[in-house]
Amino acid sequence: MHKTIGFTILVTSLALSQLALGDYVSIDTVDGSFNLEAGQIGGILGGSDTSFTMSELDILAQVLQNDGIETEGRLSFLLASTDSGMSFIGLFGGVPINTPSGSVPDQFIGISATTGSDTNWFASGDTGSDVDWYDMGNNTQLVTALLAWDDDQTSAGFAWGDVTAAQNGTTNLYDVDFTEYAPDPIQFITYGDDGWSVAEQAAFSVLGQYAFSHQFVPAPGAIALLALAGLSAGRRRRT
């Protein structure tokens, strides 16, 4: 009996470890579909409110830049295990150290994003940013935002926390001020054996818009192991 219990605990532990290693989001755009594998970034999205703090943006930008990813002048999206669980994150701009004192925002992005109601959102920007939240009914929430930042001094961010609880969502981006971003400024970042890397890049339409949807997919190995753990526990209860 004790061996069975130990096996169940071992299987469950392995399953939980796989959840953090093999999860991904499937991204659908007008140009096609692709997957973003999850990595881990600790120390961010741990607050009790909806604030995406400047220090958290610092951490996020530094992690990506350490792997050779340019973040300044770009709109970066990634999936990462954070203090708010598995989170789908947007980093806009991305300087190693945000210094908002005396900054004059010259970069702007409009966002309209939806997902299920069972998760939290996080957003912030420099002076002039504005964020609104709406309960749309049918277990759907909507966040609209105008985020602003100074290209060489500050950055902005948006994230859905715990996407395991609200696995589908849509994101619409609007270049409301026709900001002069880097070429193909929208970049989707994935995680692999060599760390973080850019998986896909995109540009706004001639009307200054870009839309995509995401769907969270848990690690297949974790699903199988959890099912095996449940089967083993069921057999133990019947003996």
C-alpha atoms as a PDB file:
ATOM      1  CA  MET A   1       0.000   0.000   0.000  1.00  0.00           C
ATOM      2  CA  HIS A   2       2.803   2.407   0.917  1.00  0.00           C
ATOM      3  CA  LYS A   3       4.526   1.680  -2.397  1.00  0.00           C
ATOM      4  CA  THR A   4       1.348   2.606  -4.254  1.00  0.00           C
ATOM      5  CA  ILE A   5       1.041   5.895  -2.354  1.00  0.00           C
ATOM      6  CA  GLY A   6       4.681   6.677  -3.046  1.00  0.00           C
ATOM      7  CA  PHE A   7       4.251   5.951  -6.739  1.00  0.00           C
ATOM      8  CA  THR A   8       1.207   8.227  -6.890  1.00  0.00           C
ATOM      9  CA  ILE A   9       3.101  11.063  -5.204  1.00  0.00           C
ATOM     10  CA  LEU A  10       6.063  10.580  -7.543  1.00  0.00           C
ATOM     11  CA  VAL A  11       3.887  10.593 -10.648  1.00  0.00           C
ATOM     12  CA  THR A  12       1.996  13.682  -9.505  1.00  0.00           C
ATOM     13  CA  SER A  13       5.246  15.511  -8.708  1.00  0.00           C
ATOM     14  CA  LEU A  14       6.643  14.701 -12.134  1.00  0.00           C
ATOM     15  CA  ALA A  15       3.443  15.928 -13.729  1.00  0.00           C
ATOM     16  CA  LEU A  16       3.576  19.217 -11.887  1.00  0.00           C
ATOM     17  CA  SER A  17       7.198  19.759 -12.902  1.00  0.00           C
ATOM     18  CA  GLN A  18       6.310  19.110 -16.534  1.00  0.00           C
ATOM     19  CA  LEU A  19       3.585  21.756 -16.387  1.00  0.00           C
ATOM     20  CA  ALA A  20       6.245  24.414 -15.972  1.00  0.00           C
ATOM     21  CA  LEU A  21       8.469  23.032 -18.751  1.00  0.00           C
ATOM     22  CA  GLY A  22       6.260  22.128 -21.691  1.00  0.00           C
ATOM     23  CA  ASP A  23       3.347  24.567 -21.646  1.00  0.00           C
ATOM     24  CA  TYR A  24       2.852  26.834 -24.652  1.00  0.00           C
ATOM     25  CA  VAL A  25       0.428  29.245 -26.270  1.00  0.00           C
ATOM     26  CA  SER A  26      -0.783  28.858 -29.816  1.00  0.00           C
ATOM     27  CA  ILE A  27      -0.904  32.223 -31.601  1.00  0.00           C
ATOM     28  CA  ASP A  28      -3.261  32.795 -34.548  1.00  0.00           C
ATOM     29  CA  THR A  29      -2.745  35.795 -36.840  1.00  0.00           C
ATOM     30  CA  VAL A  30      -3.857  36.781 -40.329  1.00  0.00           C
ATOM     31  CA  ASP A  31      -0.479  35.528 -41.544  1.00  0.00           C
ATOM     32  CA  GLY A  32      -0.696  32.084 -39.916  1.00  0.00           C
ATOM     33  CA  SER A  33      -0.289  30.205 -36.652  1.00  0.00           C
ATOM     34  CA  PHE A  34       2.693  29.359 -34.465  1.00  0.00           C
ATOM     35  CA  ASN A  35       3.500  28.316 -30.906  1.00  0.00           C
ATOM     36  CA  LEU A  36       5.344  30.095 -28.093  1.00  0.00           C
ATOM     37  CA  GLU A  37       6.967  27.834 -25.517  1.00  0.00           C
ATOM     38  CA  ALA A  38       6.930  28.949 -21.896  1.00  0.00           C
ATOM     39  CA  GLY A  39       9.942  29.952 -19.840  1.00  0.00           C
ATOM     40  CA  GLN A  40      10.264  31.119 -16.251  1.00  0.00           C
ATOM     41  CA  ILE A  41      10.711  34.702 -15.038  1.00  0.00           C
ATOM     42  CA  GLY A  42      10.449  35.115 -11.287  1.00  0.00           C
ATOM     43  CA  GLY A  43       9.930  38.325  -9.366  1.00  0.00           C
ATOM     44  CA  ILE A  44       7.237  39.828 -11.587  1.00  0.00           C
ATOM     45  CA  LEU A  45       3.418  40.121 -11.435  1.00  0.00           C
ATOM     46  CA  GLY A  46       3.328  39.371  -7.739  1.00  0.00           C
ATOM     47  CA  GLY A  47       1.298  42.380  -6.624  1.00  0.00           C
ATOM     48  CA  SER A  48      -2.221  42.251  -5.256  1.00  0.00           C
ATOM     49  CA  ASP A  49      -3.507  44.965  -7.625  1.00  0.00           C
ATOM     50  CA  THR A  50      -3.334  45.407 -11.407  1.00  0.00           C
ATOM     51  CA  SER A  51      -0.056  47.331 -11.460  1.00  0.00           C
ATOM     52  CA  PHE A  52       2.790  46.187 -13.727  1.00  0.00           C
ATOM     53  CA  THR A  53       5.513  48.024 -11.831  1.00  0.00           C
ATOM     54  CA  MET A  54       8.533  49.757 -13.344  1.00  0.00           C
ATOM     55  CA  SER A  55      10.868  47.455 -11.412  1.00  0.00           C
ATOM     56  CA  GLU A  56       9.060  44.432 -12.867  1.00  0.00           C
ATOM     57  CA  LEU A  57       9.438  45.898 -16.350  1.00  0.00           C
ATOM     58  CA  ASP A  58      13.159  46.316 -15.607  1.00  0.00           C
ATOM     59  CA  ILE A  59      13.457  42.617 -14.741  1.00  0.00           C
ATOM     60  CA  LEU A  60      11.571  41.534 -17.850  1.00  0.00           C
ATOM     61  CA  ALA A  61      13.626  43.708 -20.203  1.00  0.00           C
ATOM     62  CA  GLN A  62      16.914  42.616 -18.636  1.00  0.00           C
ATOM     63  CA  VAL A  63      16.056  38.917 -18.927  1.00  0.00           C
ATOM     64  CA  LEU A  64      15.268  39.252 -22.633  1.00  0.00           C
ATOM     65  CA  GLN A  65      18.249  41.487 -23.374  1.00  0.00           C
ATOM     66  CA  ASN A  66      20.571  39.039 -21.612  1.00  0.00           C
ATOM     67  CA  ASP A  67      19.558  36.527 -24.305  1.00  0.00           C
ATOM     68  CA  GLY A  68      20.311  39.023 -27.061  1.00  0.00           C
ATOM     69  CA  ILE A  69      16.752  40.181 -27.766  1.00  0.00           C
ATOM     70  CA  GLU A  70      16.250  43.824 -28.705  1.00  0.00           C
ATOM     71  CA  THR A  71      13.315  45.281 -26.773  1.00  0.00           C
ATOM     72  CA  GLU A  72      13.567  49.054 -27.199  1.00  0.00           C
ATOM     73  CA  GLY A  73      11.236  50.331 -29.918  1.00  0.00           C
ATOM     74  CA  ARG A  74       9.494  46.963 -30.047  1.00  0.00           C
ATOM     75  CA  LEU A  75       6.270  45.320 -28.844  1.00  0.00           C
ATOM     76  CA  SER A  76       7.207  41.937 -27.379  1.00  0.00           C
ATOM     77  CA  PHE A  77       4.870  39.080 -26.405  1.00  0.00           C
ATOM     78  CA  LEU A  78       5.807  35.933 -24.489  1.00  0.00           C
ATOM     79  CA  LEU A  79       4.531  33.216 -22.161  1.00  0.00           C
ATOM     80  CA  ALA A  80       6.269  32.871 -18.802  1.00  0.00           C
ATOM     81  CA  SER A  81       5.811  31.313 -15.402  1.00  0.00           C
ATOM     82  CA  THR A  82       5.601  34.296 -13.015  1.00  0.00           C
ATOM     83  CA  ASP A  83       4.528  35.071  -9.469  1.00  0.00           C
ATOM     84  CA  SER A  84       0.975  35.177 -10.884  1.00  0.00           C
ATOM     85  CA  GLY A  85       1.226  31.725 -12.442  1.00  0.00           C
ATOM     86  CA  MET A  86       1.643  31.037 -16.142  1.00  0.00           C
ATOM     87  CA  SER A  87       1.197  34.500 -17.691  1.00  0.00           C
ATOM     88  CA  PHE A  88       0.871  35.888 -21.218  1.00  0.00           C
ATOM     89  CA  ILE A  89       2.886  39.104 -21.257  1.00  0.00           C
ATOM     90  CA  GLY A  90       3.338  42.124 -23.494  1.00  0.00           C
ATOM     91  CA  LEU A  91       6.416  44.342 -23.002  1.00  0.00           C
ATOM     92  CA  PHE A  92       6.294  47.655 -24.873  1.00  0.00           C
ATOM     93  CA  GLY A  93       9.616  49.392 -25.246  1.00  0.00           C
ATOM     94  CA  GLY A  94      11.852  47.744 -22.722  1.00  0.00           C
ATOM     95  CA  VAL A  95      14.791  49.588 -21.197  1.00  0.00           C
ATOM     96  CA  PRO A  96      17.152  47.977 -18.669  1.00  0.00           C
ATOM     97  CA  ILE A  97      16.338  50.603 -16.028  1.00  0.00           C
ATOM     98  CA  ASN A  98      13.171  52.723 -16.162  1.00  0.00           C
ATOM     99  CA  THR A  99      13.795  56.351 -15.158  1.00  0.00           C
ATOM    100  CA  PRO A 100      10.423  58.129 -15.375  1.00  0.00           C
ATOM    101  CA  SER A 101      11.614  61.351 -13.755  1.00  0.00           C
ATOM    102  CA  GLY A 102      11.582  64.048 -16.441  1.00  0.00           C
ATOM    103  CA  SER A 103      10.513  61.646 -19.172  1.00  0.00           C
ATOM    104  CA  VAL A 104       8.444  62.871 -22.133  1.00  0.00           C
ATOM    105  CA  PRO A 105       6.417  59.982 -23.617  1.00  0.00           C
ATOM    106  CA  ASP A 106       6.844  59.690 -27.375  1.00  0.00           C
ATOM    107  CA  GLN A 107       5.691  56.100 -27.911  1.00  0.00           C
ATOM    108  CA  PHE A 108       2.021  55.094 -27.762  1.00  0.00           C
ATOM    109  CA  ILE A 109       0.024  51.897 -28.199  1.00  0.00           C
ATOM    110  CA  GLY A 110      -3.709  51.271 -27.962  1.00  0.00           C
ATOM    111  CA  ILE A 111      -4.801  47.853 -26.712  1.00  0.00           C
ATOM    112  CA  SER A 112      -8.125  46.018 -26.653  1.00  0.00           C
ATOM    113  CA  ALA A 113      -7.793  42.555 -25.101  1.00  0.00           C
ATOM    114  CA  THR A 114     -10.302  39.931 -23.986  1.00  0.00           C
ATOM    115  CA  THR A 115     -10.131  36.652 -22.095  1.00  0.00           C
ATOM    116  CA  GLY A 116     -12.133  34.640 -19.575  1.00  0.00           C
ATOM    117  CA  SER A 117     -13.086  36.160 -16.243  1.00  0.00           C
ATOM    118  CA  ASP A 118     -11.102  33.726 -14.079  1.00  0.00           C
ATOM    119  CA  THR A 119      -7.749  35.489 -14.255  1.00  0.00           C
ATOM    120  CA  ASN A 120      -6.168  38.841 -13.407  1.00  0.00           C
ATOM    121  CA  TRP A 121      -4.745  41.551 -15.642  1.00  0.00           C
ATOM    122  CA  PHE A 122      -1.729  43.770 -15.147  1.00  0.00           C
ATOM    123  CA  ALA A 123      -0.924  47.005 -16.992  1.00  0.00           C
ATOM    124  CA  SER A 124       1.124  50.157 -16.625  1.00  0.00           C
ATOM    125  CA  GLY A 125       2.782  52.913 -18.598  1.00  0.00           C
ATOM    126  CA  ASP A 126       4.330  56.325 -18.238  1.00  0.00           C
ATOM    127  CA  THR A 127       2.489  59.646 -17.783  1.00  0.00           C
ATOM    128  CA  GLY A 128      -0.608  59.850 -19.961  1.00  0.00           C
ATOM    129  CA  SER A 129      -1.437  56.152 -19.863  1.00  0.00           C
ATOM    130  CA  ASP A 130      -5.022  55.089 -19.199  1.00  0.00           C
ATOM    131  CA  VAL A 131      -6.545  51.648 -18.569  1.00  0.00           C
ATOM    132  CA  ASP A 132     -10.204  50.579 -18.332  1.00  0.00           C
ATOM    133  CA  TRP A 133     -11.748  47.213 -17.406  1.00  0.00           C
ATOM    134  CA  TYR A 134     -15.177  45.886 -18.404  1.00  0.00           C
ATOM    135  CA  ASP A 135     -17.249  42.844 -17.455  1.00  0.00           C
ATOM    136  CA  MET A 136     -18.710  41.726 -20.795  1.00  0.00           C
ATOM    137  CA  GLY A 137     -20.820  38.907 -19.358  1.00  0.00           C
ATOM    138  CA  ASN A 138     -20.641  35.306 -20.569  1.00  0.00           C
ATOM    139  CA  ASN A 139     -17.493  34.814 -18.470  1.00  0.00           C
ATOM    140  CA  THR A 140     -15.594  37.369 -20.532  1.00  0.00           C
ATOM    141  CA  GLN A 141     -13.583  40.410 -19.466  1.00  0.00           C
ATOM    142  CA  LEU A 142     -12.281  43.239 -21.629  1.00  0.00           C
ATOM    143  CA  VAL A 143      -9.359  45.559 -20.951  1.00  0.00           C
ATOM    144  CA  THR A 144      -8.801  48.636 -23.101  1.00  0.00           C
ATOM    145  CA  ALA A 145      -5.717  50.763 -22.643  1.00  0.00           C
ATOM    146  CA  LEU A 146      -3.709  53.597 -24.033  1.00  0.00           C
ATOM    147  CA  LEU A 147      -0.133  53.064 -22.878  1.00  0.00           C
ATOM    148  CA  ALA A 148       2.612  55.643 -23.300  1.00  0.00           C
ATOM    149  CA  TRP A 149       6.359  55.626 -22.693  1.00  0.00           C
ATOM    150  CA  ASP A 150       9.552  57.500 -23.468  1.00  0.00           C
ATOM    151  CA  ASP A 151      11.578  55.518 -26.000  1.00  0.00           C
ATOM    152  CA  ASP A 152      14.889  55.791 -24.170  1.00  0.00           C
ATOM    153  CA  GLN A 153      13.789  56.243 -20.545  1.00  0.00           C
ATOM    154  CA  THR A 154      10.713  54.167 -19.761  1.00  0.00           C
ATOM    155  CA  SER A 155       8.584  51.277 -20.985  1.00  0.00           C
ATOM    156  CA  ALA A 156       5.073  49.882 -20.564  1.00  0.00           C
ATOM    157  CA  GLY A 157       3.519  46.476 -20.058  1.00  0.00           C
ATOM    158  CA  PHE A 158       0.340  44.425 -20.178  1.00  0.00           C
ATOM    159  CA  ALA A 159      -0.283  40.853 -19.040  1.00  0.00           C
ATOM    160  CA  TRP A 160      -2.925  38.261 -18.340  1.00  0.00           C
ATOM    161  CA  GLY A 161      -1.978  36.307 -15.215  1.00  0.00           C
ATOM    162  CA  ASP A 162      -2.743  32.593 -14.675  1.00  0.00           C
ATOM    163  CA  VAL A 163      -3.731  31.698 -18.231  1.00  0.00           C
ATOM    164  CA  THR A 164      -4.373  28.142 -17.017  1.00  0.00           C
ATOM    165  CA  ALA A 165      -7.660  29.513 -15.645  1.00  0.00           C
ATOM    166  CA  ALA A 166      -8.605  31.537 -18.752  1.00  0.00           C
ATOM    167  CA  GLN A 167      -6.965  29.797 -21.664  1.00  0.00           C
ATOM    168  CA  ASN A 168      -8.253  31.755 -24.673  1.00  0.00           C
ATOM    169  CA  GLY A 169      -7.973  35.426 -25.530  1.00  0.00           C
ATOM    170  CA  THR A 170      -7.774  38.052 -28.234  1.00  0.00           C
ATOM    171  CA  THR A 171      -5.524  41.092 -28.574  1.00  0.00           C
ATOM    172  CA  ASN A 172      -5.943  44.083 -30.862  1.00  0.00           C
ATOM    173  CA  LEU A 173      -3.147  46.642 -31.146  1.00  0.00           C
ATOM    174  CA  TYR A 174      -3.610  50.165 -32.471  1.00  0.00           C
ATOM    175  CA  ASP A 175      -0.790  52.490 -33.459  1.00  0.00           C
ATOM    176  CA  VAL A 176      -2.915  55.436 -32.353  1.00  0.00           C
ATOM    177  CA  ASP A 177      -0.231  58.075 -32.886  1.00  0.00           C
ATOM    178  CA  PHE A 178       1.502  56.333 -35.808  1.00  0.00           C
ATOM    179  CA  THR A 179       4.525  56.050 -33.591  1.00  0.00           C
ATOM    180  CA  GLU A 180       7.877  55.497 -35.297  1.00  0.00           C
ATOM    181  CA  TYR A 181       8.688  52.001 -34.091  1.00  0.00           C
ATOM    182  CA  ALA A 182      11.517  49.739 -35.236  1.00  0.00           C
ATOM    183  CA  PRO A 183      10.918  47.793 -38.505  1.00  0.00           C
ATOM    184  CA  ASP A 184       8.489  44.874 -37.948  1.00  0.00           C
ATOM    185  CA  PRO A 185       8.161  46.003 -34.323  1.00  0.00           C
ATOM    186  CA  ILE A 186       5.767  43.301 -33.107  1.00  0.00           C
ATOM    187  CA  GLN A 187       7.757  40.301 -31.957  1.00  0.00           C
ATOM    188  CA  PHE A 188       6.672  36.992 -30.450  1.00  0.00           C
ATOM    189  CA  ILE A 189       9.235  35.411 -28.158  1.00  0.00           C
ATOM    190  CA  THR A 190       9.593  31.734 -27.282  1.00  0.00           C
ATOM    191  CA  TYR A 191      11.739  29.753 -24.867  1.00  0.00           C
ATOM    192  CA  GLY A 192      14.031  26.850 -25.722  1.00  0.00           C
ATOM    193  CA  ASP A 193      17.249  25.084 -24.775  1.00  0.00           C
ATOM    194  CA  ASP A 194      19.267  28.205 -25.601  1.00  0.00           C
ATOM    195  CA  GLY A 195      16.997  30.579 -23.661  1.00  0.00           C
ATOM    196  CA  TRP A 196      14.639  33.191 -25.076  1.00  0.00           C
ATOM    197  CA  SER A 197      14.540  33.879 -28.815  1.00  0.00           C
ATOM    198  CA  VAL A 198      12.322  35.659 -31.335  1.00  0.00           C
ATOM    199  CA  ALA A 199       9.950  33.195 -33.006  1.00  0.00           C
ATOM    200  CA  GLU A 200       7.996  35.545 -35.296  1.00  0.00           C
ATOM    201  CA  GLN A 201       7.898  39.232 -36.216  1.00  0.00           C
ATOM    202  CA  ALA A 202       5.101  41.345 -37.675  1.00  0.00           C
ATOM    203  CA  ALA A 203       4.183  44.888 -38.657  1.00  0.00           C
ATOM    204  CA  PHE A 204       1.057  47.003 -38.365  1.00  0.00           C
ATOM    205  CA  SER A 205      -1.327  47.210 -41.295  1.00  0.00           C
ATOM    206  CA  VAL A 206      -1.473  50.407 -43.347  1.00  0.00           C
ATOM    207  CA  LEU A 207      -4.272  51.482 -41.001  1.00  0.00           C
ATOM    208  CA  GLY A 208      -2.030  51.031 -37.974  1.00  0.00           C
ATOM    209  CA  GLN A 209      -3.710  47.893 -36.610  1.00  0.00           C
ATOM    210  CA  TYR A 210      -2.634  44.367 -35.713  1.00  0.00           C
ATOM    211  CA  ALA A 211      -4.745  41.570 -34.219  1.00  0.00           C
ATOM    212  CA  PHE A 212      -4.093  38.069 -32.943  1.00  0.00           C
ATOM    213  CA  SER A 213      -5.614  35.460 -30.659  1.00  0.00           C
ATOM    214  CA  HIS A 214      -3.970  33.087 -28.209  1.00  0.00           C
ATOM    215  CA  GLN A 215      -4.837  29.714 -26.722  1.00  0.00           C
ATOM    216  CA  PHE A 216      -2.972  28.209 -23.797  1.00  0.00           C
ATOM    217  CA  VAL A 217      -2.013  24.538 -24.171  1.00  0.00           C
ATOM    218  CA  PRO A 218      -0.692  22.624 -21.125  1.00  0.00           C
ATOM    219  CA  ALA A 219       2.204  20.223 -21.544  1.00  0.00           C
ATOM    220  CA  PRO A 220       0.977  16.934 -23.092  1.00  0.00           C
ATOM    221  CA  GLY A 221       3.288  14.942 -20.830  1.00  0.00           C
ATOM    222  CA  ALA A 222       1.793  16.572 -17.759  1.00  0.00           C
ATOM    223  CA  ILE A 223      -1.752  15.686 -18.827  1.00  0.00           C
ATOM    224  CA  ALA A 224      -0.769  12.042 -19.308  1.00  0.00           C
ATOM    225  CA  LEU A 225       1.061  11.849 -15.978  1.00  0.00           C
ATOM    226  CA  LEU A 226      -1.812  13.448 -14.082  1.00  0.00           C
ATOM    227  CA  ALA A 227      -4.234  10.978 -15.651  1.00  0.00           C
ATOM    228  CA  LEU A 228      -1.935   8.108 -14.664  1.00  0.00           C
ATOM    229  CA  ALA A 229      -1.730   9.436 -11.123  1.00  0.00           C
ATOM    230  CA  GLY A 230      -5.523   9.577 -10.924  1.00  0.00           C
ATOM    231  CA  LEU A 231      -5.823   6.034 -12.253  1.00  0.00           C
ATOM    232  CA  SER A 232      -3.328   4.763  -9.718  1.00  0.00           C
ATOM    233  CA  ALA A 233      -5.137   6.509  -6.866  1.00  0.00           C
ATOM    234  CA  GLY A 234      -8.458   5.064  -8.027  1.00  0.00           C
ATOM    235  CA  ARG A 235      -7.065   1.543  -8.018  1.00  0.00           C
ATOM    236  CA  ARG A 236      -5.695   2.044  -4.497  1.00  0.00           C
ATOM    237  CA  ARG A 237      -9.092   3.167  -3.185  1.00  0.00           C
ATOM    238  CA  ARG A 238     -10.805   0.064  -4.585  1.00  0.00           C
ATOM    239  CA  THR A 239      -8.424  -2.380  -2.937  1.00  0.00           C
END
